[in-house]
Amino acid sequence: MQLRPSTKQVTTFQTVPTIADIQIAHEAIAPYIHRTPILTSQSINKIAGAELYFKCENFQKIGAFKMRGATCAALGLREAERAKGLATHSSGNHAQAVALSAKNLGTKAYIVMPSNAPEIKKQATAGYGAEITFCEPTLEARESTLEKVVARTGATFIHPFDNYNVIAGQATCAKEIIEDCPILDALVAPVGGGGLMSGTALAARYFSPMTKVYGAEPEIVNDAYRSFKSGEMQKNTRIDTIADGLRTNLSEKTFSIIKEHLTDIFEVNEEEIIAAMRMIWERLKIIIEPSCAVPLAAILRHPEPFAQKKVGLILTGGNVDLNKLPFTKA
């Protein structure tokens, strides 16, 4: 099927996205994304003691919200830049998003992936026509390998989150929740590199300033929690959380937005993530990744700020290895 090209011009945003930037981004990426549904569950509401609205980005193209930011970043490039291709490093969802964005826009994608990336995400990225270069599973290896790929191809690096166009694209997810739901008292999103979290914070500030915004993060990779509490950037010392999409550290761009606009960040442990993931599978009858379950886990662990409130939660993706489900282990 031939996609209808965007008629709205996006530029490369050099500063924190404004309300106009996010509106332009939303219109520009509309032909390339789904406006995903919002689900509710009376049984989960009863357990949580709140009225929860689940934004299902697991139904997004490539199965994750990352399609929004990658598309916005690609559309922001000049034609000459785009013609040389798009490049990135990613273990999964951003890799797929850049690969499909390149395919949609008629250019090439060059993706660096760690050797231990989930097999389902490797296959999907290749399926969108990307040229994949594998590397050792360290950030240093990813970055050094990507430098070589960019030098060889001339492709433009689309960072997974440290990019204002990516942040503007991710902000469109929360913008849709605000438009489609009753007036929300709170929004909760998981925190990894902070692209979605900072975009969510900006969308709430611009389109629903009375809505409080909270982050949710695994205890094992709690750099955002520690950064938010201390006011200074912190780094993770381990990455062995089941929530593989949240293993990344914040960037200066995302942290600057998060520390200004978030109400709080909550931590959850691995057992709580697995329990919340299973609850969503069982009660909402949908497939989600472990990272998606972190906001619900945070509400269940910290119910007081959400009691009897209307709360939006972002389910970030559904690209999970069905052969390695955590709640089916003996």
C-alpha atoms as a PDB file:
ATOM      1  CA  MET A   1       0.000   0.000   0.000  1.00  0.00           C
ATOM      2  CA  GLN A   2       1.368   3.410  -0.973  1.00  0.00           C
ATOM      3  CA  LEU A   3       1.471   5.770   1.978  1.00  0.00           C
ATOM      4  CA  ARG A   4       0.006   9.246   1.608  1.00  0.00           C
ATOM      5  CA  PRO A   5       3.007  11.543   2.093  1.00  0.00           C
ATOM      6  CA  SER A   6       2.866  14.153   4.821  1.00  0.00           C
ATOM      7  CA  THR A   7       1.853  17.627   3.684  1.00  0.00           C
ATOM      8  CA  LYS A   8       3.081  19.335   6.860  1.00  0.00           C
ATOM      9  CA  GLN A   9       6.685  20.482   6.824  1.00  0.00           C
ATOM     10  CA  VAL A  10       8.801  19.514   9.829  1.00  0.00           C
ATOM     11  CA  THR A  11      12.157  21.116  10.482  1.00  0.00           C
ATOM     12  CA  THR A  12      14.966  20.007  12.753  1.00  0.00           C
ATOM     13  CA  PHE A  13      14.015  21.404  16.154  1.00  0.00           C
ATOM     14  CA  GLN A  14      16.999  23.062  17.845  1.00  0.00           C
ATOM     15  CA  THR A  15      15.358  23.792  21.204  1.00  0.00           C
ATOM     16  CA  VAL A  16      12.797  22.231  23.548  1.00  0.00           C
ATOM     17  CA  PRO A  17       9.680  21.607  21.432  1.00  0.00           C
ATOM     18  CA  THR A  18       6.939  24.206  21.744  1.00  0.00           C
ATOM     19  CA  ILE A  19       3.210  23.561  21.591  1.00  0.00           C
ATOM     20  CA  ALA A  20       3.324  24.527  17.905  1.00  0.00           C
ATOM     21  CA  ASP A  21       6.201  22.104  17.268  1.00  0.00           C
ATOM     22  CA  ILE A  22       4.238  19.215  18.773  1.00  0.00           C
ATOM     23  CA  GLN A  23       1.128  20.111  16.791  1.00  0.00           C
ATOM     24  CA  ILE A  24       3.164  20.255  13.575  1.00  0.00           C
ATOM     25  CA  ALA A  25       4.862  16.955  14.447  1.00  0.00           C
ATOM     26  CA  HIS A  26       1.525  15.256  15.079  1.00  0.00           C
ATOM     27  CA  GLU A  27       0.071  16.354  11.758  1.00  0.00           C
ATOM     28  CA  ALA A  28       3.248  15.445   9.868  1.00  0.00           C
ATOM     29  CA  ILE A  29       3.590  11.904  11.243  1.00  0.00           C
ATOM     30  CA  ALA A  30      -0.137  11.105  11.027  1.00  0.00           C
ATOM     31  CA  PRO A  31       0.098   9.264   7.669  1.00  0.00           C
ATOM     32  CA  TYR A  32       2.801   6.967   9.049  1.00  0.00           C
ATOM     33  CA  ILE A  33       1.405   5.990  12.469  1.00  0.00           C
ATOM     34  CA  HIS A  34      -1.727   4.584  14.066  1.00  0.00           C
ATOM     35  CA  ARG A  35      -3.840   6.595  16.463  1.00  0.00           C
ATOM     36  CA  THR A  36      -3.814   3.833  19.029  1.00  0.00           C
ATOM     37  CA  PRO A  37      -6.799   2.876  21.194  1.00  0.00           C
ATOM     38  CA  ILE A  38      -7.308   3.410  24.903  1.00  0.00           C
ATOM     39  CA  LEU A  39      -8.506   0.468  26.980  1.00  0.00           C
ATOM     40  CA  THR A  40      -9.990   0.292  30.460  1.00  0.00           C
ATOM     41  CA  SER A  41     -10.607  -2.531  32.937  1.00  0.00           C
ATOM     42  CA  GLN A  42     -13.075  -2.364  35.774  1.00  0.00           C
ATOM     43  CA  SER A  43     -11.275  -5.181  37.578  1.00  0.00           C
ATOM     44  CA  ILE A  44      -7.897  -3.400  37.415  1.00  0.00           C
ATOM     45  CA  ASN A  45      -9.568  -0.161  38.497  1.00  0.00           C
ATOM     46  CA  LYS A  46     -10.937  -1.918  41.568  1.00  0.00           C
ATOM     47  CA  ILE A  47      -7.529  -3.347  42.442  1.00  0.00           C
ATOM     48  CA  ALA A  48      -5.757  -0.025  41.883  1.00  0.00           C
ATOM     49  CA  GLY A  49      -8.396   2.140  43.545  1.00  0.00           C
ATOM     50  CA  ALA A  50      -8.277   4.504  40.564  1.00  0.00           C
ATOM     51  CA  GLU A  51      -9.818   5.022  37.114  1.00  0.00           C
ATOM     52  CA  LEU A  52      -7.090   3.928  34.702  1.00  0.00           C
ATOM     53  CA  TYR A  53      -6.864   4.589  30.976  1.00  0.00           C
ATOM     54  CA  PHE A  54      -4.307   2.451  29.124  1.00  0.00           C
ATOM     55  CA  LYS A  55      -2.897   4.012  25.929  1.00  0.00           C
ATOM     56  CA  CYS A  56      -2.049   0.958  23.814  1.00  0.00           C
ATOM     57  CA  GLU A  57       1.122   1.731  21.885  1.00  0.00           C
ATOM     58  CA  ASN A  58       1.641  -2.026  21.655  1.00  0.00           C
ATOM     59  CA  PHE A  59      -0.794  -1.646  18.728  1.00  0.00           C
ATOM     60  CA  GLN A  60       1.385   1.033  17.126  1.00  0.00           C
ATOM     61  CA  LYS A  61       3.246   0.329  13.871  1.00  0.00           C
ATOM     62  CA  ILE A  62       6.375  -1.743  14.669  1.00  0.00           C
ATOM     63  CA  GLY A  63       4.587  -2.570  17.924  1.00  0.00           C
ATOM     64  CA  ALA A  64       5.874   0.381  19.947  1.00  0.00           C
ATOM     65  CA  PHE A  65       5.632   4.152  20.476  1.00  0.00           C
ATOM     66  CA  LYS A  66       9.125   4.579  18.998  1.00  0.00           C
ATOM     67  CA  MET A  67       7.565   4.886  15.536  1.00  0.00           C
ATOM     68  CA  ARG A  68       6.364   8.371  16.437  1.00  0.00           C
ATOM     69  CA  GLY A  69       9.744   9.864  17.302  1.00  0.00           C
ATOM     70  CA  ALA A  70      11.721   8.141  14.572  1.00  0.00           C
ATOM     71  CA  THR A  71       9.276   9.318  11.914  1.00  0.00           C
ATOM     72  CA  CYS A  72       9.328  12.898  13.198  1.00  0.00           C
ATOM     73  CA  ALA A  73      13.134  12.913  13.204  1.00  0.00           C
ATOM     74  CA  ALA A  74      13.329  11.488   9.679  1.00  0.00           C
ATOM     75  CA  LEU A  75      10.805  14.010   8.349  1.00  0.00           C
ATOM     76  CA  GLY A  76      12.852  16.807   9.906  1.00  0.00           C
ATOM     77  CA  LEU A  77      15.879  16.051   7.745  1.00  0.00           C
ATOM     78  CA  ARG A  78      16.636  17.832   4.493  1.00  0.00           C
ATOM     79  CA  GLU A  79      16.058  15.772   1.354  1.00  0.00           C
ATOM     80  CA  ALA A  80      19.803  15.526   0.697  1.00  0.00           C
ATOM     81  CA  GLU A  81      20.406  14.203   4.206  1.00  0.00           C
ATOM     82  CA  ARG A  82      17.552  11.731   4.018  1.00  0.00           C
ATOM     83  CA  ALA A  83      18.764  10.422   0.670  1.00  0.00           C
ATOM     84  CA  LYS A  84      21.989   9.176   2.289  1.00  0.00           C
ATOM     85  CA  GLY A  85      20.030   7.061   4.736  1.00  0.00           C
ATOM     86  CA  LEU A  86      19.152   6.868   8.423  1.00  0.00           C
ATOM     87  CA  ALA A  87      21.372   5.283  11.044  1.00  0.00           C
ATOM     88  CA  THR A  88      21.068   4.375  14.697  1.00  0.00           C
ATOM     89  CA  HIS A  89      22.068   1.925  17.399  1.00  0.00           C
ATOM     90  CA  SER A  90      19.350   0.089  19.279  1.00  0.00           C
ATOM     91  CA  SER A  91      18.553  -3.269  20.811  1.00  0.00           C
ATOM     92  CA  GLY A  92      15.044  -3.327  19.456  1.00  0.00           C
ATOM     93  CA  ASN A  93      12.092  -0.985  19.132  1.00  0.00           C
ATOM     94  CA  HIS A  94      13.959   2.136  17.994  1.00  0.00           C
ATOM     95  CA  ALA A  95      15.856  -0.009  15.502  1.00  0.00           C
ATOM     96  CA  GLN A  96      12.581  -1.186  13.998  1.00  0.00           C
ATOM     97  CA  ALA A  97      11.155   2.332  13.999  1.00  0.00           C
ATOM     98  CA  VAL A  98      14.122   3.806  12.128  1.00  0.00           C
ATOM     99  CA  ALA A  99      14.088   0.892   9.680  1.00  0.00           C
ATOM    100  CA  LEU A 100      10.396   1.328   8.864  1.00  0.00           C
ATOM    101  CA  SER A 101      10.686   5.121   8.724  1.00  0.00           C
ATOM    102  CA  ALA A 102      13.461   4.771   6.157  1.00  0.00           C
ATOM    103  CA  LYS A 103      11.394   2.308   4.145  1.00  0.00           C
ATOM    104  CA  ASN A 104       8.358   4.618   4.223  1.00  0.00           C
ATOM    105  CA  LEU A 105      10.439   7.553   3.011  1.00  0.00           C
ATOM    106  CA  GLY A 106      12.253   5.633   0.290  1.00  0.00           C
ATOM    107  CA  THR A 107      15.714   5.590   1.796  1.00  0.00           C
ATOM    108  CA  LYS A 108      18.093   3.129   3.480  1.00  0.00           C
ATOM    109  CA  ALA A 109      18.445   2.263   7.157  1.00  0.00           C
ATOM    110  CA  TYR A 110      21.745   1.265   8.760  1.00  0.00           C
ATOM    111  CA  ILE A 111      21.216  -0.237  12.195  1.00  0.00           C
ATOM    112  CA  VAL A 112      23.782  -1.263  14.807  1.00  0.00           C
ATOM    113  CA  MET A 113      22.361  -3.881  17.178  1.00  0.00           C
ATOM    114  CA  PRO A 114      24.005  -5.640  20.132  1.00  0.00           C
ATOM    115  CA  SER A 115      24.507  -9.347  19.628  1.00  0.00           C
ATOM    116  CA  ASN A 116      22.200 -10.153  22.542  1.00  0.00           C
ATOM    117  CA  ALA A 117      19.228  -8.161  21.241  1.00  0.00           C
ATOM    118  CA  PRO A 118      15.935 -10.110  21.327  1.00  0.00           C
ATOM    119  CA  GLU A 119      15.690 -12.378  18.312  1.00  0.00           C
ATOM    120  CA  ILE A 120      12.194 -11.162  17.477  1.00  0.00           C
ATOM    121  CA  LYS A 121      13.492  -7.577  17.241  1.00  0.00           C
ATOM    122  CA  LYS A 122      16.466  -8.590  15.065  1.00  0.00           C
ATOM    123  CA  GLN A 123      14.126 -10.361  12.649  1.00  0.00           C
ATOM    124  CA  ALA A 124      11.661  -7.489  12.527  1.00  0.00           C
ATOM    125  CA  THR A 125      14.383  -4.909  11.859  1.00  0.00           C
ATOM    126  CA  ALA A 126      15.777  -7.004   9.033  1.00  0.00           C
ATOM    127  CA  GLY A 127      12.261  -7.509   7.705  1.00  0.00           C
ATOM    128  CA  TYR A 128      11.888  -3.763   7.150  1.00  0.00           C
ATOM    129  CA  GLY A 129      14.924  -3.860   4.873  1.00  0.00           C
ATOM    130  CA  ALA A 130      17.573  -2.452   7.193  1.00  0.00           C
ATOM    131  CA  GLU A 131      21.261  -3.262   6.901  1.00  0.00           C
ATOM    132  CA  ILE A 132      22.201  -4.562  10.356  1.00  0.00           C
ATOM    133  CA  THR A 133      25.674  -4.523  11.880  1.00  0.00           C
ATOM    134  CA  PHE A 134      26.005  -6.502  15.097  1.00  0.00           C
ATOM    135  CA  CYS A 135      28.337  -5.509  17.921  1.00  0.00           C
ATOM    136  CA  GLU A 136      29.245  -6.463  21.463  1.00  0.00           C
ATOM    137  CA  PRO A 137      26.504  -5.702  24.008  1.00  0.00           C
ATOM    138  CA  THR A 138      28.039  -2.564  25.493  1.00  0.00           C
ATOM    139  CA  LEU A 139      27.260   1.111  24.942  1.00  0.00           C
ATOM    140  CA  GLU A 140      30.879   1.741  23.940  1.00  0.00           C
ATOM    141  CA  ALA A 141      30.671  -0.937  21.253  1.00  0.00           C
ATOM    142  CA  ARG A 142      27.391   0.416  19.948  1.00  0.00           C
ATOM    143  CA  GLU A 143      28.728   3.946  19.635  1.00  0.00           C
ATOM    144  CA  SER A 144      32.077   3.027  18.097  1.00  0.00           C
ATOM    145  CA  THR A 145      30.447   0.675  15.595  1.00  0.00           C
ATOM    146  CA  LEU A 146      27.884   3.320  14.652  1.00  0.00           C
ATOM    147  CA  GLU A 147      30.647   5.878  14.058  1.00  0.00           C
ATOM    148  CA  LYS A 148      32.190   3.513  11.514  1.00  0.00           C
ATOM    149  CA  VAL A 149      28.838   2.896   9.819  1.00  0.00           C
ATOM    150  CA  VAL A 150      28.075   6.623   9.562  1.00  0.00           C
ATOM    151  CA  ALA A 151      31.579   7.345   8.223  1.00  0.00           C
ATOM    152  CA  ARG A 152      31.135   4.653   5.576  1.00  0.00           C
ATOM    153  CA  THR A 153      27.588   5.528   4.478  1.00  0.00           C
ATOM    154  CA  GLY A 154      27.085   9.221   5.204  1.00  0.00           C
ATOM    155  CA  ALA A 155      23.786   8.351   6.864  1.00  0.00           C
ATOM    156  CA  THR A 156      22.300  10.616   9.538  1.00  0.00           C
ATOM    157  CA  PHE A 157      22.279   9.307  13.101  1.00  0.00           C
ATOM    158  CA  ILE A 158      18.829   9.409  14.688  1.00  0.00           C
ATOM    159  CA  HIS A 159      19.398   9.163  18.427  1.00  0.00           C
ATOM    160  CA  PRO A 160      16.817   7.078  20.297  1.00  0.00           C
ATOM    161  CA  PHE A 161      15.937   9.938  22.665  1.00  0.00           C
ATOM    162  CA  ASP A 162      18.540  12.751  22.782  1.00  0.00           C
ATOM    163  CA  ASN A 163      16.890  14.521  19.865  1.00  0.00           C
ATOM    164  CA  TYR A 164      14.221  17.234  20.046  1.00  0.00           C
ATOM    165  CA  ASN A 165      12.369  15.895  16.992  1.00  0.00           C
ATOM    166  CA  VAL A 166      12.203  12.483  18.630  1.00  0.00           C
ATOM    167  CA  ILE A 167      10.895  14.077  21.828  1.00  0.00           C
ATOM    168  CA  ALA A 168       8.254  16.025  19.860  1.00  0.00           C
ATOM    169  CA  GLY A 169       7.171  12.844  18.105  1.00  0.00           C
ATOM    170  CA  GLN A 170       6.882  10.929  21.376  1.00  0.00           C
ATOM    171  CA  ALA A 171       4.865  13.812  22.859  1.00  0.00           C
ATOM    172  CA  THR A 172       2.087  13.074  20.368  1.00  0.00           C
ATOM    173  CA  CYS A 173       1.231   9.927  22.313  1.00  0.00           C
ATOM    174  CA  ALA A 174       0.261  11.869  25.445  1.00  0.00           C
ATOM    175  CA  LYS A 175      -1.414  14.517  23.279  1.00  0.00           C
ATOM    176  CA  GLU A 176      -3.746  11.815  21.967  1.00  0.00           C
ATOM    177  CA  ILE A 177      -4.543  10.542  25.463  1.00  0.00           C
ATOM    178  CA  ILE A 178      -5.430  14.054  26.579  1.00  0.00           C
ATOM    179  CA  GLU A 179      -7.663  14.530  23.531  1.00  0.00           C
ATOM    180  CA  ASP A 180      -9.403  11.157  23.806  1.00  0.00           C
ATOM    181  CA  CYS A 181      -9.906  10.808  27.579  1.00  0.00           C
ATOM    182  CA  PRO A 182     -11.924  12.658  30.195  1.00  0.00           C
ATOM    183  CA  ILE A 183      -9.916  15.279  32.047  1.00  0.00           C
ATOM    184  CA  LEU A 184      -7.007  13.354  33.542  1.00  0.00           C
ATOM    185  CA  ASP A 185      -5.687  13.971  37.026  1.00  0.00           C
ATOM    186  CA  ALA A 186      -2.400  12.240  36.234  1.00  0.00           C
ATOM    187  CA  LEU A 187      -0.308  10.689  33.473  1.00  0.00           C
ATOM    188  CA  VAL A 188       2.242   7.919  34.134  1.00  0.00           C
ATOM    189  CA  ALA A 189       4.933   6.759  31.711  1.00  0.00           C
ATOM    190  CA  PRO A 190       7.986   4.525  32.071  1.00  0.00           C
ATOM    191  CA  VAL A 191      11.440   6.127  32.032  1.00  0.00           C
ATOM    192  CA  GLY A 192      14.382   4.771  30.055  1.00  0.00           C
ATOM    193  CA  GLY A 193      16.343   7.335  28.060  1.00  0.00           C
ATOM    194  CA  GLY A 194      13.557   9.798  28.733  1.00  0.00           C
ATOM    195  CA  GLY A 195      12.310  10.582  25.226  1.00  0.00           C
ATOM    196  CA  LEU A 196       8.761   9.426  25.939  1.00  0.00           C
ATOM    197  CA  MET A 197       8.823  10.759  29.489  1.00  0.00           C
ATOM    198  CA  SER A 198       9.990  14.235  28.502  1.00  0.00           C
ATOM    199  CA  GLY A 199       7.546  14.330  25.582  1.00  0.00           C
ATOM    200  CA  THR A 200       4.727  13.284  27.912  1.00  0.00           C
ATOM    201  CA  ALA A 201       5.662  16.026  30.359  1.00  0.00           C
ATOM    202  CA  LEU A 202       5.649  18.661  27.616  1.00  0.00           C
ATOM    203  CA  ALA A 203       2.320  17.475  26.183  1.00  0.00           C
ATOM    204  CA  ALA A 204       0.697  17.661  29.616  1.00  0.00           C
ATOM    205  CA  ARG A 205       2.114  21.130  30.248  1.00  0.00           C
ATOM    206  CA  TYR A 206       0.813  22.456  26.921  1.00  0.00           C
ATOM    207  CA  PHE A 207      -2.498  20.618  26.497  1.00  0.00           C
ATOM    208  CA  SER A 208      -3.597  19.793  30.055  1.00  0.00           C
ATOM    209  CA  PRO A 209      -1.628  21.869  32.574  1.00  0.00           C
ATOM    210  CA  MET A 210      -3.677  20.641  35.541  1.00  0.00           C
ATOM    211  CA  THR A 211      -2.605  17.030  34.874  1.00  0.00           C
ATOM    212  CA  LYS A 212       0.248  15.838  37.060  1.00  0.00           C
ATOM    213  CA  VAL A 213       2.952  13.759  35.357  1.00  0.00           C
ATOM    214  CA  TYR A 214       4.792  10.870  37.009  1.00  0.00           C
ATOM    215  CA  GLY A 215       7.623   8.631  35.890  1.00  0.00           C
ATOM    216  CA  ALA A 216       8.013   4.946  36.729  1.00  0.00           C
ATOM    217  CA  GLU A 217      11.333   3.107  36.724  1.00  0.00           C
ATOM    218  CA  PRO A 218      12.824  -0.250  37.752  1.00  0.00           C
ATOM    219  CA  GLU A 219      14.921  -0.086  40.923  1.00  0.00           C
ATOM    220  CA  ILE A 220      17.818  -1.815  39.146  1.00  0.00           C
ATOM    221  CA  VAL A 221      18.116   0.991  36.557  1.00  0.00           C
ATOM    222  CA  ASN A 222      16.973   3.962  38.613  1.00  0.00           C
ATOM    223  CA  ASP A 223      19.174   6.703  37.172  1.00  0.00           C
ATOM    224  CA  ALA A 224      16.147   8.907  36.482  1.00  0.00           C
ATOM    225  CA  TYR A 225      14.845   8.497  40.037  1.00  0.00           C
ATOM    226  CA  ARG A 226      18.246   9.379  41.513  1.00  0.00           C
ATOM    227  CA  SER A 227      18.750  12.222  39.049  1.00  0.00           C
ATOM    228  CA  PHE A 228      15.320  13.689  39.783  1.00  0.00           C
ATOM    229  CA  LYS A 229      15.819  13.498  43.550  1.00  0.00           C
ATOM    230  CA  SER A 230      19.352  14.912  43.528  1.00  0.00           C
ATOM    231  CA  GLY A 231      18.909  17.457  40.747  1.00  0.00           C
ATOM    232  CA  GLU A 232      22.048  16.166  39.019  1.00  0.00           C
ATOM    233  CA  MET A 233      22.542  13.569  36.296  1.00  0.00           C
ATOM    234  CA  GLN A 234      23.185  10.056  37.612  1.00  0.00           C
ATOM    235  CA  LYS A 235      24.227   6.902  35.753  1.00  0.00           C
ATOM    236  CA  ASN A 236      23.220   3.260  36.058  1.00  0.00           C
ATOM    237  CA  THR A 237      25.778   0.777  37.339  1.00  0.00           C
ATOM    238  CA  ARG A 238      23.833  -2.309  36.220  1.00  0.00           C
ATOM    239  CA  ILE A 239      21.318  -3.076  33.486  1.00  0.00           C
ATOM    240  CA  ASP A 240      19.962  -6.518  34.361  1.00  0.00           C
ATOM    241  CA  THR A 241      16.303  -5.548  34.668  1.00  0.00           C
ATOM    242  CA  ILE A 242      13.628  -7.566  32.902  1.00  0.00           C
ATOM    243  CA  ALA A 243      12.367  -4.243  31.515  1.00  0.00           C
ATOM    244  CA  ASP A 244      14.875  -4.272  28.652  1.00  0.00           C
ATOM    245  CA  GLY A 245      13.461  -1.088  27.108  1.00  0.00           C
ATOM    246  CA  LEU A 246      14.374   0.943  30.204  1.00  0.00           C
ATOM    247  CA  ARG A 247      18.054   0.082  30.620  1.00  0.00           C
ATOM    248  CA  THR A 248      19.301   3.353  29.135  1.00  0.00           C
ATOM    249  CA  ASN A 249      20.495   6.435  31.017  1.00  0.00           C
ATOM    250  CA  LEU A 250      18.871   9.848  30.630  1.00  0.00           C
ATOM    251  CA  SER A 251      20.434  12.476  28.382  1.00  0.00           C
ATOM    252  CA  GLU A 252      20.960  16.149  29.105  1.00  0.00           C
ATOM    253  CA  LYS A 253      18.037  17.078  26.847  1.00  0.00           C
ATOM    254  CA  THR A 254      15.580  14.674  28.447  1.00  0.00           C
ATOM    255  CA  PHE A 255      16.734  15.304  32.012  1.00  0.00           C
ATOM    256  CA  SER A 256      16.365  19.065  31.668  1.00  0.00           C
ATOM    257  CA  ILE A 257      12.701  18.619  30.719  1.00  0.00           C
ATOM    258  CA  ILE A 258      11.997  15.895  33.279  1.00  0.00           C
ATOM    259  CA  LYS A 259      13.429  17.747  36.261  1.00  0.00           C
ATOM    260  CA  GLU A 260      11.368  20.837  35.426  1.00  0.00           C
ATOM    261  CA  HIS A 261       7.998  19.282  34.627  1.00  0.00           C
ATOM    262  CA  LEU A 262       7.570  15.970  36.476  1.00  0.00           C
ATOM    263  CA  THR A 263       5.725  15.734  39.763  1.00  0.00           C
ATOM    264  CA  ASP A 264       7.632  12.633  40.906  1.00  0.00           C
ATOM    265  CA  ILE A 265       9.306   9.389  39.814  1.00  0.00           C
ATOM    266  CA  PHE A 266       8.501   6.056  41.471  1.00  0.00           C
ATOM    267  CA  GLU A 267      10.632   2.912  41.642  1.00  0.00           C
ATOM    268  CA  VAL A 268       9.389  -0.691  41.353  1.00  0.00           C
ATOM    269  CA  ASN A 269      11.134  -4.032  41.763  1.00  0.00           C
ATOM    270  CA  GLU A 270      11.361  -6.922  39.320  1.00  0.00           C
ATOM    271  CA  GLU A 271       8.648  -8.996  41.003  1.00  0.00           C
ATOM    272  CA  GLU A 272       6.244  -6.069  40.864  1.00  0.00           C
ATOM    273  CA  ILE A 273       6.943  -5.561  37.159  1.00  0.00           C
ATOM    274  CA  ILE A 274       6.228  -9.211  36.395  1.00  0.00           C
ATOM    275  CA  ALA A 275       3.028  -9.196  38.465  1.00  0.00           C
ATOM    276  CA  ALA A 276       1.753  -6.053  36.716  1.00  0.00           C
ATOM    277  CA  MET A 277       2.657  -7.481  33.301  1.00  0.00           C
ATOM    278  CA  ARG A 278       0.697 -10.626  34.070  1.00  0.00           C
ATOM    279  CA  MET A 279      -2.268  -8.586  35.310  1.00  0.00           C
ATOM    280  CA  ILE A 280      -2.419  -6.663  32.024  1.00  0.00           C
ATOM    281  CA  TRP A 281      -2.167  -9.867  29.983  1.00  0.00           C
ATOM    282  CA  GLU A 282      -4.907 -11.508  32.038  1.00  0.00           C
ATOM    283  CA  ARG A 283      -7.280  -8.581  32.553  1.00  0.00           C
ATOM    284  CA  LEU A 284      -6.873  -6.517  29.368  1.00  0.00           C
ATOM    285  CA  LYS A 285      -6.212  -9.588  27.168  1.00  0.00           C
ATOM    286  CA  ILE A 286      -3.347  -7.930  25.286  1.00  0.00           C
ATOM    287  CA  ILE A 287       0.363  -8.608  24.778  1.00  0.00           C
ATOM    288  CA  ILE A 288       2.764  -6.105  26.314  1.00  0.00           C
ATOM    289  CA  GLU A 289       6.505  -5.983  27.040  1.00  0.00           C
ATOM    290  CA  PRO A 290       7.804  -5.899  30.619  1.00  0.00           C
ATOM    291  CA  SER A 291       8.713  -2.205  30.267  1.00  0.00           C
ATOM    292  CA  CYS A 292       5.017  -1.407  29.668  1.00  0.00           C
ATOM    293  CA  ALA A 293       4.032  -2.863  33.020  1.00  0.00           C
ATOM    294  CA  VAL A 294       6.209  -0.494  35.047  1.00  0.00           C
ATOM    295  CA  PRO A 295       3.621   2.345  35.276  1.00  0.00           C
ATOM    296  CA  LEU A 296       0.910  -0.005  36.573  1.00  0.00           C
ATOM    297  CA  ALA A 297       3.395  -1.545  38.993  1.00  0.00           C
ATOM    298  CA  ALA A 298       4.176   1.956  40.281  1.00  0.00           C
ATOM    299  CA  ILE A 299       0.501   2.763  40.843  1.00  0.00           C
ATOM    300  CA  LEU A 300      -0.049  -0.512  42.699  1.00  0.00           C
ATOM    301  CA  ARG A 301       3.023   0.075  44.892  1.00  0.00           C
ATOM    302  CA  HIS A 302       2.328   3.795  45.467  1.00  0.00           C
ATOM    303  CA  PRO A 303      -1.490   4.080  45.429  1.00  0.00           C
ATOM    304  CA  GLU A 304      -1.862   7.272  47.483  1.00  0.00           C
ATOM    305  CA  PRO A 305      -1.270   9.921  44.748  1.00  0.00           C
ATOM    306  CA  PHE A 306      -3.689   8.107  42.415  1.00  0.00           C
ATOM    307  CA  ALA A 307      -6.516   7.115  44.757  1.00  0.00           C
ATOM    308  CA  GLN A 308      -9.908   7.779  43.154  1.00  0.00           C
ATOM    309  CA  LYS A 309      -8.211   9.752  40.368  1.00  0.00           C
ATOM    310  CA  LYS A 310      -8.445   9.518  36.571  1.00  0.00           C
ATOM    311  CA  VAL A 311      -5.013   8.324  35.429  1.00  0.00           C
ATOM    312  CA  GLY A 312      -3.582   7.764  31.953  1.00  0.00           C
ATOM    313  CA  LEU A 313      -0.878   5.102  31.506  1.00  0.00           C
ATOM    314  CA  ILE A 314       1.227   4.542  28.396  1.00  0.00           C
ATOM    315  CA  LEU A 315       1.696   0.910  27.376  1.00  0.00           C
ATOM    316  CA  THR A 316       4.838   1.459  25.343  1.00  0.00           C
ATOM    317  CA  GLY A 317       5.114  -1.689  23.225  1.00  0.00           C
ATOM    318  CA  GLY A 318       4.307  -5.321  22.620  1.00  0.00           C
ATOM    319  CA  ASN A 319       7.442  -6.820  21.074  1.00  0.00           C
ATOM    320  CA  VAL A 320       7.984  -9.643  23.526  1.00  0.00           C
ATOM    321  CA  ASP A 321       9.624 -13.038  23.063  1.00  0.00           C
ATOM    322  CA  LEU A 322       6.748 -15.460  23.599  1.00  0.00           C
ATOM    323  CA  ASN A 323       9.222 -18.229  24.396  1.00  0.00           C
ATOM    324  CA  LYS A 324      10.603 -16.303  27.377  1.00  0.00           C
ATOM    325  CA  LEU A 325       7.601 -15.054  29.307  1.00  0.00           C
ATOM    326  CA  PRO A 326       8.618 -14.311  32.916  1.00  0.00           C
ATOM    327  CA  PHE A 327       5.396 -15.514  34.483  1.00  0.00           C
ATOM    328  CA  THR A 328       5.544 -18.955  32.853  1.00  0.00           C
ATOM    329  CA  LYS A 329       8.833 -19.965  34.471  1.00  0.00           C
ATOM    330  CA  ALA A 330       8.700 -22.895  36.853  1.00  0.00           C
END
